């Protein structure tokens, strides 16, 4: 019975220690403003692009877009990511980014540039026009779209 009394006393003490008033805990971590985070990510993307690290640059541009998708910088970030891929001859990745830009921002002022760069990406993917007509046809379609819709 002695052990049972000790167990009861310990149980009551533990129960009592857990039932106190919880103190309010405040976070000491200060979050950076969303605009500043987006600008920092975009700036890191520019620096990485200048160094030739296209994948990290594209990651940072996409991060900037995700942080603040309704800003003007989000659209610019997609274009910069696609240009980065294009500059290093990753034409498929560039085309994917450009198609996403065209779908997401159909009224953007730089839509003409997006269509033109997309046409160039398709053109650069032509390896042998006699064996694979896909890139050739896509390039022709995009170039016709650019010429017809943006004659200047």
C-alpha atoms as a PDB file:
ATOM      1  CA  UNK A   1       0.000   0.000   0.000  1.00  0.00           C
ATOM      2  CA  UNK A   2       2.983   2.261   0.558  1.00  0.00           C
ATOM      3  CA  UNK A   3       3.781   2.273  -3.151  1.00  0.00           C
ATOM      4  CA  UNK A   4       0.192   3.088  -3.970  1.00  0.00           C
ATOM      5  CA  UNK A   5       0.256   6.185  -1.694  1.00  0.00           C
ATOM      6  CA  UNK A   6       3.508   7.376  -3.287  1.00  0.00           C
ATOM      7  CA  UNK A   7       1.997   6.891  -6.731  1.00  0.00           C
ATOM      8  CA  UNK A   8      -1.122   8.878  -5.794  1.00  0.00           C
ATOM      9  CA  UNK A   9       0.943  11.729  -4.326  1.00  0.00           C
ATOM     10  CA  UNK A  10       3.191  11.902  -7.409  1.00  0.00           C
ATOM     11  CA  UNK A  11       0.159  11.733  -9.699  1.00  0.00           C
ATOM     12  CA  UNK A  12      -1.549  14.602  -7.821  1.00  0.00           C
ATOM     13  CA  UNK A  13       1.624  16.702  -7.931  1.00  0.00           C
ATOM     14  CA  UNK A  14       2.025  16.125 -11.672  1.00  0.00           C
ATOM     15  CA  UNK A  15      -1.623  16.878 -12.274  1.00  0.00           C
ATOM     16  CA  UNK A  16      -1.398  20.049 -10.242  1.00  0.00           C
ATOM     17  CA  UNK A  17       1.765  21.234 -12.012  1.00  0.00           C
ATOM     18  CA  UNK A  18       0.125  20.814 -15.414  1.00  0.00           C
ATOM     19  CA  UNK A  19      -3.033  22.718 -14.517  1.00  0.00           C
ATOM     20  CA  UNK A  20      -1.447  26.134 -13.987  1.00  0.00           C
ATOM     21  CA  UNK A  21      -2.315  29.242 -15.974  1.00  0.00           C
ATOM     22  CA  UNK A  22      -0.543  29.120 -19.296  1.00  0.00           C
ATOM     23  CA  UNK A  23       1.514  32.201 -19.968  1.00  0.00           C
ATOM     24  CA  UNK A  24       1.114  33.916 -23.273  1.00  0.00           C
ATOM     25  CA  UNK A  25       4.160  33.279 -25.427  1.00  0.00           C
ATOM     26  CA  UNK A  26       5.034  35.906 -27.968  1.00  0.00           C
ATOM     27  CA  UNK A  27       7.208  35.279 -30.971  1.00  0.00           C
ATOM     28  CA  UNK A  28      10.440  37.217 -31.140  1.00  0.00           C
ATOM     29  CA  UNK A  29      10.933  36.439 -34.815  1.00  0.00           C
ATOM     30  CA  UNK A  30      10.220  39.435 -36.973  1.00  0.00           C
ATOM     31  CA  UNK A  31       9.098  38.694 -40.484  1.00  0.00           C
ATOM     32  CA  UNK A  32      10.379  40.779 -43.321  1.00  0.00           C
ATOM     33  CA  UNK A  33       7.830  42.702 -45.354  1.00  0.00           C
ATOM     34  CA  UNK A  34       6.451  40.684 -48.283  1.00  0.00           C
ATOM     35  CA  UNK A  35       7.492  43.343 -50.791  1.00  0.00           C
ATOM     36  CA  UNK A  36      11.041  43.281 -49.479  1.00  0.00           C
ATOM     37  CA  UNK A  37      11.169  39.478 -49.663  1.00  0.00           C
ATOM     38  CA  UNK A  38       9.979  39.571 -53.254  1.00  0.00           C
ATOM     39  CA  UNK A  39      12.475  42.270 -54.236  1.00  0.00           C
ATOM     40  CA  UNK A  40      15.278  40.364 -52.520  1.00  0.00           C
ATOM     41  CA  UNK A  41      14.403  37.155 -54.387  1.00  0.00           C
ATOM     42  CA  UNK A  42      14.214  39.023 -57.706  1.00  0.00           C
ATOM     43  CA  UNK A  43      17.585  40.703 -57.036  1.00  0.00           C
ATOM     44  CA  UNK A  44      19.180  37.358 -56.186  1.00  0.00           C
ATOM     45  CA  UNK A  45      17.797  36.015 -59.465  1.00  0.00           C
ATOM     46  CA  UNK A  46      19.386  38.881 -61.407  1.00  0.00           C
ATOM     47  CA  UNK A  47      22.751  38.319 -59.703  1.00  0.00           C
ATOM     48  CA  UNK A  48      22.615  34.571 -60.359  1.00  0.00           C
ATOM     49  CA  UNK A  49      21.699  35.199 -63.995  1.00  0.00           C
ATOM     50  CA  UNK A  50      24.686  37.523 -64.389  1.00  0.00           C
ATOM     51  CA  UNK A  51      26.924  34.784 -62.967  1.00  0.00           C
ATOM     52  CA  UNK A  52      25.465  32.234 -65.388  1.00  0.00           C
ATOM     53  CA  UNK A  53      23.662  30.121 -62.767  1.00  0.00           C
ATOM     54  CA  UNK A  54      20.423  29.807 -64.726  1.00  0.00           C
ATOM     55  CA  UNK A  55      18.694  27.210 -62.555  1.00  0.00           C
ATOM     56  CA  UNK A  56      19.221  29.152 -59.329  1.00  0.00           C
ATOM     57  CA  UNK A  57      18.162  32.354 -61.087  1.00  0.00           C
ATOM     58  CA  UNK A  58      14.967  30.721 -62.371  1.00  0.00           C
ATOM     59  CA  UNK A  59      14.289  29.377 -58.885  1.00  0.00           C
ATOM     60  CA  UNK A  60      14.650  32.867 -57.408  1.00  0.00           C
ATOM     61  CA  UNK A  61      12.478  34.447 -60.108  1.00  0.00           C
ATOM     62  CA  UNK A  62       9.783  31.841 -59.497  1.00  0.00           C
ATOM     63  CA  UNK A  63      10.087  32.475 -55.768  1.00  0.00           C
ATOM     64  CA  UNK A  64       9.582  36.201 -56.360  1.00  0.00           C
ATOM     65  CA  UNK A  65       6.502  35.447 -58.415  1.00  0.00           C
ATOM     66  CA  UNK A  66       5.074  33.154 -55.732  1.00  0.00           C
ATOM     67  CA  UNK A  67       5.688  35.657 -52.948  1.00  0.00           C
ATOM     68  CA  UNK A  68       3.657  38.399 -54.565  1.00  0.00           C
ATOM     69  CA  UNK A  69       1.788  37.064 -57.639  1.00  0.00           C
ATOM     70  CA  UNK A  70      -0.410  40.144 -58.098  1.00  0.00           C
ATOM     71  CA  UNK A  71       2.500  42.565 -58.464  1.00  0.00           C
ATOM     72  CA  UNK A  72       3.991  43.823 -61.703  1.00  0.00           C
ATOM     73  CA  UNK A  73       7.246  42.138 -60.722  1.00  0.00           C
ATOM     74  CA  UNK A  74       5.654  38.676 -60.873  1.00  0.00           C
ATOM     75  CA  UNK A  75       5.154  38.906 -64.628  1.00  0.00           C
ATOM     76  CA  UNK A  76       8.668  40.297 -65.077  1.00  0.00           C
ATOM     77  CA  UNK A  77      10.024  37.441 -62.980  1.00  0.00           C
ATOM     78  CA  UNK A  78       8.495  34.831 -65.309  1.00  0.00           C
ATOM     79  CA  UNK A  79       9.964  36.615 -68.327  1.00  0.00           C
ATOM     80  CA  UNK A  80      13.377  36.791 -66.675  1.00  0.00           C
ATOM     81  CA  UNK A  81      13.269  33.085 -65.808  1.00  0.00           C
ATOM     82  CA  UNK A  82      12.390  32.249 -69.407  1.00  0.00           C
ATOM     83  CA  UNK A  83      15.125  34.537 -70.738  1.00  0.00           C
ATOM     84  CA  UNK A  84      17.632  32.875 -68.408  1.00  0.00           C
ATOM     85  CA  UNK A  85      16.728  29.448 -69.725  1.00  0.00           C
ATOM     86  CA  UNK A  86      16.846  30.745 -73.306  1.00  0.00           C
ATOM     87  CA  UNK A  87      20.267  32.334 -72.828  1.00  0.00           C
ATOM     88  CA  UNK A  88      21.745  28.973 -71.856  1.00  0.00           C
ATOM     89  CA  UNK A  89      19.948  27.064 -74.659  1.00  0.00           C
ATOM     90  CA  UNK A  90      17.389  25.356 -72.381  1.00  0.00           C
ATOM     91  CA  UNK A  91      14.709  26.016 -74.967  1.00  0.00           C
ATOM     92  CA  UNK A  92      12.108  23.586 -73.636  1.00  0.00           C
ATOM     93  CA  UNK A  93      12.230  25.119 -70.142  1.00  0.00           C
ATOM     94  CA  UNK A  94      12.113  28.612 -71.622  1.00  0.00           C
ATOM     95  CA  UNK A  95       9.117  27.688 -73.766  1.00  0.00           C
ATOM     96  CA  UNK A  96       7.310  26.233 -70.743  1.00  0.00           C
ATOM     97  CA  UNK A  97       7.833  29.453 -68.771  1.00  0.00           C
ATOM     98  CA  UNK A  98       6.724  31.579 -71.723  1.00  0.00           C
ATOM     99  CA  UNK A  99       3.573  29.553 -72.284  1.00  0.00           C
ATOM    100  CA  UNK A 100       2.753  29.915 -68.585  1.00  0.00           C
ATOM    101  CA  UNK A 101       3.316  33.676 -68.871  1.00  0.00           C
ATOM    102  CA  UNK A 102       1.040  33.923 -71.918  1.00  0.00           C
ATOM    103  CA  UNK A 103      -1.746  32.024 -70.148  1.00  0.00           C
ATOM    104  CA  UNK A 104      -1.386  33.887 -66.856  1.00  0.00           C
ATOM    105  CA  UNK A 105      -0.961  37.428 -68.236  1.00  0.00           C
ATOM    106  CA  UNK A 106      -2.891  37.596 -71.535  1.00  0.00           C
ATOM    107  CA  UNK A 107      -3.096  41.420 -71.440  1.00  0.00           C
ATOM    108  CA  UNK A 108       0.466  42.196 -70.358  1.00  0.00           C
ATOM    109  CA  UNK A 109       2.360  44.939 -72.192  1.00  0.00           C
ATOM    110  CA  UNK A 110       5.294  42.585 -72.927  1.00  0.00           C
ATOM    111  CA  UNK A 111       3.137  39.864 -74.471  1.00  0.00           C
ATOM    112  CA  UNK A 112       4.684  40.604 -77.869  1.00  0.00           C
ATOM    113  CA  UNK A 113       8.141  39.823 -76.479  1.00  0.00           C
ATOM    114  CA  UNK A 114       6.855  36.595 -74.916  1.00  0.00           C
ATOM    115  CA  UNK A 115       5.403  35.394 -78.212  1.00  0.00           C
ATOM    116  CA  UNK A 116       8.544  36.374 -80.119  1.00  0.00           C
ATOM    117  CA  UNK A 117      10.847  34.599 -77.664  1.00  0.00           C
ATOM    118  CA  UNK A 118       8.562  31.559 -77.735  1.00  0.00           C
ATOM    119  CA  UNK A 119       8.820  31.487 -81.541  1.00  0.00           C
ATOM    120  CA  UNK A 120      12.624  31.676 -81.299  1.00  0.00           C
ATOM    121  CA  UNK A 121      12.631  28.835 -78.746  1.00  0.00           C
ATOM    122  CA  UNK A 122      10.621  26.633 -81.086  1.00  0.00           C
ATOM    123  CA  UNK A 123      12.870  27.610 -83.995  1.00  0.00           C
ATOM    124  CA  UNK A 124      16.026  26.733 -82.064  1.00  0.00           C
ATOM    125  CA  UNK A 125      14.632  23.264 -81.310  1.00  0.00           C
ATOM    126  CA  UNK A 126      14.544  22.362 -85.021  1.00  0.00           C
ATOM    127  CA  UNK A 127      17.152  19.655 -85.480  1.00  0.00           C
ATOM    128  CA  UNK A 128      16.172  18.009 -88.726  1.00  0.00           C
ATOM    129  CA  UNK A 129      13.164  19.398 -90.546  1.00  0.00           C
ATOM    130  CA  UNK A 130      12.803  16.206 -92.554  1.00  0.00           C
ATOM    131  CA  UNK A 131      12.424  13.933 -89.520  1.00  0.00           C
ATOM    132  CA  UNK A 132      10.562  16.020 -86.946  1.00  0.00           C
ATOM    133  CA  UNK A 133       8.165  18.697 -88.124  1.00  0.00           C
ATOM    134  CA  UNK A 134       6.827  19.543 -84.647  1.00  0.00           C
ATOM    135  CA  UNK A 135       9.242  22.347 -83.717  1.00  0.00           C
ATOM    136  CA  UNK A 136       9.128  23.697 -87.256  1.00  0.00           C
ATOM    137  CA  UNK A 137       5.324  23.907 -87.245  1.00  0.00           C
ATOM    138  CA  UNK A 138       5.213  25.454 -83.749  1.00  0.00           C
ATOM    139  CA  UNK A 139       7.842  28.033 -84.739  1.00  0.00           C
ATOM    140  CA  UNK A 140       5.965  28.901 -87.921  1.00  0.00           C
ATOM    141  CA  UNK A 141       2.690  29.254 -86.003  1.00  0.00           C
ATOM    142  CA  UNK A 142       4.280  31.570 -83.409  1.00  0.00           C
ATOM    143  CA  UNK A 143       6.104  33.681 -86.005  1.00  0.00           C
ATOM    144  CA  UNK A 144       2.869  34.089 -87.968  1.00  0.00           C
ATOM    145  CA  UNK A 145       1.116  35.106 -84.748  1.00  0.00           C
ATOM    146  CA  UNK A 146       3.802  37.718 -84.024  1.00  0.00           C
ATOM    147  CA  UNK A 147       3.739  39.111 -87.555  1.00  0.00           C
ATOM    148  CA  UNK A 148      -0.062  39.250 -87.705  1.00  0.00           C
ATOM    149  CA  UNK A 149      -0.696  40.645 -84.215  1.00  0.00           C
ATOM    150  CA  UNK A 150       2.381  42.827 -83.725  1.00  0.00           C
ATOM    151  CA  UNK A 151       3.311  44.234 -87.145  1.00  0.00           C
ATOM    152  CA  UNK A 152       5.411  47.051 -85.676  1.00  0.00           C
END
